[in-house]
Amino acid sequence: MLIDFKEHRKKQTTLDAEISELLGVIKKQKKDRFDFWYQAVGEKLGKIAVPTYKKHGVLFVNVVNPVSRFELTRMKQEIIEKVNKNLSENKKIKDIIFK
């Protein structure tokens, strides 16, 4: 998606709308990229624990508060098994780091 800056000299609200739309597209792409996570943990946990990136078989997940992070850490092995059911053999995760 390209932003036409000449058009924005006329209307600032148009720029705000395009930026908002662009952010929405980015969020959707991120959710689609980590679709396996949301399938495994469900919508409720998906709202409090959001994956940020995956590197060398380790999934990094941001959690909204320390209490939730503690509970998710206790459930880590169960979550890894659920997540790996949705992934192909070469994409399976080895560990999850909750931040």
N, C-alpha and C. Protein backbone atom coordinates (compact mmCIF):
# COMPACT_ATOMS: atom_id res chain seq x y z
N MET A 1 0.85 -1.17 0.00
CA MET A 1 0.00 0.00 0.00
C MET A 1 0.90 1.23 0.00
N LEU A 2 0.68 2.10 -0.96
CA LEU A 2 1.47 3.32 -1.08
C LEU A 2 0.66 4.51 -0.59
N ILE A 3 1.34 5.44 0.04
CA ILE A 3 0.70 6.66 0.53
C ILE A 3 1.03 7.78 -0.43
N ASP A 4 0.01 8.47 -0.91
CA ASP A 4 0.19 9.59 -1.82
C ASP A 4 0.33 10.86 -0.99
N PHE A 5 1.55 11.34 -0.83
CA PHE A 5 1.81 12.48 0.04
C PHE A 5 1.28 13.80 -0.53
N LYS A 6 1.19 13.91 -1.87
CA LYS A 6 0.64 15.13 -2.48
C LYS A 6 -0.82 15.32 -2.07
N GLU A 7 -1.52 14.22 -1.99
CA GLU A 7 -2.94 14.26 -1.61
C GLU A 7 -3.10 14.73 -0.16
N HIS A 8 -2.10 14.46 0.68
CA HIS A 8 -2.22 14.78 2.10
C HIS A 8 -1.98 16.24 2.43
N ARG A 9 -1.46 16.96 1.49
CA ARG A 9 -1.34 18.40 1.72
C ARG A 9 -2.71 19.03 1.79
N LYS A 10 -3.65 18.40 1.12
CA LYS A 10 -5.01 18.92 1.09
C LYS A 10 -5.78 18.57 2.36
N LYS A 11 -5.65 17.31 2.80
CA LYS A 11 -6.45 16.86 3.94
C LYS A 11 -5.59 16.04 4.90
N GLN A 12 -5.45 16.50 6.11
CA GLN A 12 -4.71 15.76 7.13
C GLN A 12 -5.49 14.52 7.57
N THR A 13 -6.80 14.60 7.58
CA THR A 13 -7.60 13.46 8.02
C THR A 13 -7.41 12.27 7.10
N THR A 14 -7.13 12.52 5.83
CA THR A 14 -6.90 11.43 4.90
C THR A 14 -5.63 10.67 5.29
N LEU A 15 -4.59 11.40 5.67
CA LEU A 15 -3.34 10.77 6.10
C LEU A 15 -3.58 9.91 7.34
N ASP A 16 -4.33 10.44 8.30
CA ASP A 16 -4.64 9.67 9.51
C ASP A 16 -5.39 8.39 9.17
N ALA A 17 -6.33 8.50 8.24
CA ALA A 17 -7.12 7.33 7.84
C ALA A 17 -6.24 6.29 7.16
N GLU A 18 -5.34 6.74 6.30
CA GLU A 18 -4.45 5.80 5.60
C GLU A 18 -3.48 5.13 6.57
N ILE A 19 -2.95 5.89 7.52
CA ILE A 19 -2.05 5.31 8.52
C ILE A 19 -2.80 4.27 9.36
N SER A 20 -4.01 4.61 9.76
CA SER A 20 -4.82 3.67 10.53
C SER A 20 -5.10 2.41 9.73
N GLU A 21 -5.40 2.56 8.45
CA GLU A 21 -5.65 1.40 7.59
C GLU A 21 -4.39 0.56 7.44
N LEU A 22 -3.26 1.21 7.28
CA LEU A 22 -1.99 0.51 7.14
C LEU A 22 -1.66 -0.28 8.41
N LEU A 23 -1.89 0.32 9.57
CA LEU A 23 -1.67 -0.39 10.84
C LEU A 23 -2.59 -1.60 10.95
N GLY A 24 -3.81 -1.46 10.50
CA GLY A 24 -4.75 -2.58 10.51
C GLY A 24 -4.27 -3.73 9.64
N VAL A 25 -3.74 -3.40 8.47
CA VAL A 25 -3.21 -4.41 7.56
C VAL A 25 -2.02 -5.13 8.20
N ILE A 26 -1.14 -4.37 8.85
CA ILE A 26 0.03 -4.97 9.51
C ILE A 26 -0.40 -5.91 10.62
N LYS A 27 -1.38 -5.51 11.43
CA LYS A 27 -1.87 -6.36 12.51
C LYS A 27 -2.47 -7.64 11.96
N LYS A 28 -3.22 -7.53 10.86
CA LYS A 28 -3.84 -8.72 10.26
C LYS A 28 -2.76 -9.66 9.74
N GLN A 29 -1.73 -9.12 9.09
CA GLN A 29 -0.65 -9.96 8.58
C GLN A 29 0.07 -10.67 9.73
N LYS A 30 0.27 -9.97 10.84
CA LYS A 30 0.94 -10.58 11.99
C LYS A 30 0.07 -11.69 12.57
N LYS A 31 -1.24 -11.45 12.65
CA LYS A 31 -2.14 -12.48 13.17
C LYS A 31 -2.15 -13.69 12.24
N ASP A 32 -2.15 -13.45 10.94
CA ASP A 32 -2.13 -14.56 9.98
C ASP A 32 -0.81 -15.33 10.09
N ARG A 33 0.28 -14.62 10.33
CA ARG A 33 1.60 -15.26 10.43
C ARG A 33 1.66 -16.20 11.63
N PHE A 34 1.01 -15.82 12.72
CA PHE A 34 1.01 -16.63 13.92
C PHE A 34 -0.34 -17.30 14.15
N ASP A 35 -1.01 -17.64 13.08
CA ASP A 35 -2.32 -18.27 13.17
C ASP A 35 -2.26 -19.57 13.97
N PHE A 36 -1.15 -20.30 13.86
CA PHE A 36 -1.00 -21.55 14.59
C PHE A 36 -1.10 -21.32 16.11
N TRP A 37 -0.64 -20.16 16.58
CA TRP A 37 -0.69 -19.84 18.01
C TRP A 37 -2.14 -19.68 18.46
N TYR A 38 -2.91 -18.91 17.69
CA TYR A 38 -4.29 -18.64 18.08
C TYR A 38 -5.16 -19.90 17.99
N GLN A 39 -4.84 -20.79 17.06
CA GLN A 39 -5.56 -22.05 16.97
C GLN A 39 -5.27 -22.92 18.20
N ALA A 40 -4.05 -22.86 18.69
CA ALA A 40 -3.65 -23.70 19.81
C ALA A 40 -4.17 -23.18 21.16
N VAL A 41 -4.07 -21.88 21.38
CA VAL A 41 -4.41 -21.33 22.70
C VAL A 41 -5.81 -20.75 22.78
N GLY A 42 -6.42 -20.44 21.64
CA GLY A 42 -7.76 -19.88 21.64
C GLY A 42 -7.74 -18.36 21.73
N GLU A 43 -8.92 -17.77 21.56
CA GLU A 43 -9.04 -16.31 21.54
C GLU A 43 -8.74 -15.67 22.90
N LYS A 44 -9.20 -16.30 23.97
CA LYS A 44 -9.03 -15.72 25.31
C LYS A 44 -7.55 -15.55 25.66
N LEU A 45 -6.79 -16.63 25.53
CA LEU A 45 -5.35 -16.53 25.81
C LEU A 45 -4.63 -15.73 24.72
N GLY A 46 -5.16 -15.76 23.50
CA GLY A 46 -4.56 -15.01 22.40
C GLY A 46 -4.60 -13.51 22.62
N LYS A 47 -5.54 -13.04 23.44
CA LYS A 47 -5.63 -11.61 23.73
C LYS A 47 -4.62 -11.17 24.78
N ILE A 48 -4.24 -12.07 25.69
CA ILE A 48 -3.29 -11.68 26.75
C ILE A 48 -1.86 -12.10 26.45
N ALA A 49 -1.69 -13.02 25.49
CA ALA A 49 -0.36 -13.50 25.12
C ALA A 49 -0.22 -13.44 23.61
N VAL A 50 0.58 -12.47 23.13
CA VAL A 50 0.70 -12.22 21.69
C VAL A 50 2.11 -12.58 21.23
N PRO A 51 2.23 -13.50 20.26
CA PRO A 51 3.56 -13.85 19.76
C PRO A 51 4.17 -12.69 18.98
N THR A 52 5.46 -12.46 19.18
CA THR A 52 6.13 -11.37 18.48
C THR A 52 7.03 -11.88 17.36
N TYR A 53 7.79 -12.94 17.63
CA TYR A 53 8.61 -13.51 16.58
C TYR A 53 9.05 -14.92 16.97
N LYS A 54 9.55 -15.65 15.95
CA LYS A 54 10.04 -17.01 16.13
C LYS A 54 11.44 -17.06 15.57
N LYS A 55 12.37 -17.61 16.37
CA LYS A 55 13.77 -17.66 15.95
C LYS A 55 14.39 -18.97 16.41
N HIS A 56 14.92 -19.74 15.48
CA HIS A 56 15.60 -21.01 15.77
C HIS A 56 14.73 -21.95 16.60
N GLY A 57 13.45 -22.01 16.28
CA GLY A 57 12.55 -22.92 16.98
C GLY A 57 12.05 -22.42 18.32
N VAL A 58 12.37 -21.18 18.66
CA VAL A 58 11.91 -20.59 19.92
C VAL A 58 10.89 -19.49 19.59
N LEU A 59 9.72 -19.60 20.21
CA LEU A 59 8.66 -18.61 20.00
C LEU A 59 8.68 -17.62 21.15
N PHE A 60 8.77 -16.33 20.82
CA PHE A 60 8.78 -15.27 21.82
C PHE A 60 7.39 -14.67 21.89
N VAL A 61 6.84 -14.63 23.10
CA VAL A 61 5.46 -14.20 23.30
C VAL A 61 5.40 -13.11 24.35
N ASN A 62 4.79 -11.97 24.01
CA ASN A 62 4.57 -10.89 24.97
C ASN A 62 3.29 -11.17 25.74
N VAL A 63 3.37 -11.02 27.06
CA VAL A 63 2.22 -11.27 27.93
C VAL A 63 1.88 -9.97 28.65
N VAL A 64 0.59 -9.74 28.87
CA VAL A 64 0.14 -8.44 29.38
C VAL A 64 0.53 -8.17 30.83
N ASN A 65 0.65 -9.20 31.67
CA ASN A 65 1.00 -8.95 33.07
C ASN A 65 1.79 -10.13 33.65
N PRO A 66 2.50 -9.90 34.74
CA PRO A 66 3.33 -10.94 35.34
C PRO A 66 2.55 -12.16 35.83
N VAL A 67 1.35 -11.97 36.32
CA VAL A 67 0.56 -13.09 36.82
C VAL A 67 0.22 -14.04 35.67
N SER A 68 -0.21 -13.48 34.55
CA SER A 68 -0.51 -14.29 33.38
C SER A 68 0.75 -14.98 32.86
N ARG A 69 1.87 -14.27 32.88
CA ARG A 69 3.14 -14.86 32.44
C ARG A 69 3.51 -16.06 33.30
N PHE A 70 3.31 -15.95 34.60
CA PHE A 70 3.61 -17.06 35.51
C PHE A 70 2.73 -18.26 35.19
N GLU A 71 1.44 -18.03 35.01
CA GLU A 71 0.51 -19.12 34.71
C GLU A 71 0.84 -19.78 33.37
N LEU A 72 1.16 -18.98 32.38
CA LEU A 72 1.51 -19.54 31.07
C LEU A 72 2.82 -20.32 31.13
N THR A 73 3.75 -19.85 31.93
CA THR A 73 5.01 -20.57 32.09
C THR A 73 4.76 -21.95 32.70
N ARG A 74 3.84 -22.03 33.62
CA ARG A 74 3.49 -23.32 34.23
C ARG A 74 2.84 -24.26 33.21
N MET A 75 2.16 -23.71 32.22
CA MET A 75 1.47 -24.50 31.21
C MET A 75 2.31 -24.66 29.93
N LYS A 76 3.56 -24.25 29.97
CA LYS A 76 4.39 -24.17 28.77
C LYS A 76 4.44 -25.47 27.97
N GLN A 77 4.69 -26.59 28.61
CA GLN A 77 4.83 -27.85 27.88
C GLN A 77 3.53 -28.24 27.17
N GLU A 78 2.43 -28.04 27.84
CA GLU A 78 1.13 -28.33 27.25
C GLU A 78 0.87 -27.43 26.03
N ILE A 79 1.23 -26.16 26.15
CA ILE A 79 1.04 -25.22 25.05
C ILE A 79 1.94 -25.59 23.86
N ILE A 80 3.17 -25.97 24.14
CA ILE A 80 4.10 -26.38 23.06
C ILE A 80 3.52 -27.56 22.29
N GLU A 81 2.97 -28.54 23.01
CA GLU A 81 2.38 -29.71 22.35
C GLU A 81 1.19 -29.31 21.48
N LYS A 82 0.33 -28.41 21.98
CA LYS A 82 -0.82 -27.96 21.20
C LYS A 82 -0.39 -27.18 19.96
N VAL A 83 0.60 -26.32 20.13
CA VAL A 83 1.09 -25.52 19.01
C VAL A 83 1.70 -26.42 17.94
N ASN A 84 2.49 -27.39 18.36
CA ASN A 84 3.17 -28.26 17.41
C ASN A 84 2.21 -29.15 16.63
N LYS A 85 1.02 -29.39 17.14
CA LYS A 85 0.02 -30.16 16.39
C LYS A 85 -0.40 -29.42 15.13
N ASN A 86 -0.33 -28.10 15.15
CA ASN A 86 -0.75 -27.28 14.01
C ASN A 86 0.39 -26.95 13.06
N LEU A 87 1.60 -27.44 13.34
CA LEU A 87 2.77 -27.09 12.52
C LEU A 87 3.33 -28.32 11.81
N SER A 88 3.96 -28.08 10.67
CA SER A 88 4.64 -29.17 9.98
C SER A 88 5.92 -29.54 10.74
N GLU A 89 6.48 -30.66 10.39
CA GLU A 89 7.64 -31.20 11.13
C GLU A 89 8.82 -30.23 11.15
N ASN A 90 9.09 -29.55 10.06
CA ASN A 90 10.26 -28.66 10.01
C ASN A 90 10.00 -27.28 10.64
N LYS A 91 8.76 -26.99 11.04
CA LYS A 91 8.44 -25.70 11.64
C LYS A 91 8.10 -25.80 13.12
N LYS A 92 8.21 -26.97 13.71
CA LYS A 92 7.83 -27.16 15.11
C LYS A 92 8.69 -26.31 16.03
N ILE A 93 8.10 -25.90 17.15
CA ILE A 93 8.83 -25.08 18.11
C ILE A 93 9.40 -25.97 19.22
N LYS A 94 10.54 -25.55 19.74
CA LYS A 94 11.21 -26.29 20.81
C LYS A 94 10.93 -25.68 22.17
N ASP A 95 10.74 -24.36 22.17
CA ASP A 95 10.57 -23.66 23.45
C ASP A 95 9.74 -22.40 23.21
N ILE A 96 9.16 -21.89 24.30
CA ILE A 96 8.44 -20.63 24.29
C ILE A 96 9.02 -19.76 25.38
N ILE A 97 9.30 -18.53 25.06
CA ILE A 97 9.77 -17.57 26.06
C ILE A 97 8.68 -16.52 26.23
N PHE A 98 8.14 -16.44 27.43
CA PHE A 98 7.11 -15.46 27.73
C PHE A 98 7.78 -14.21 28.31
N LYS A 99 7.50 -13.06 27.71
CA LYS A 99 8.11 -11.80 28.16
C LYS A 99 7.03 -10.88 28.67
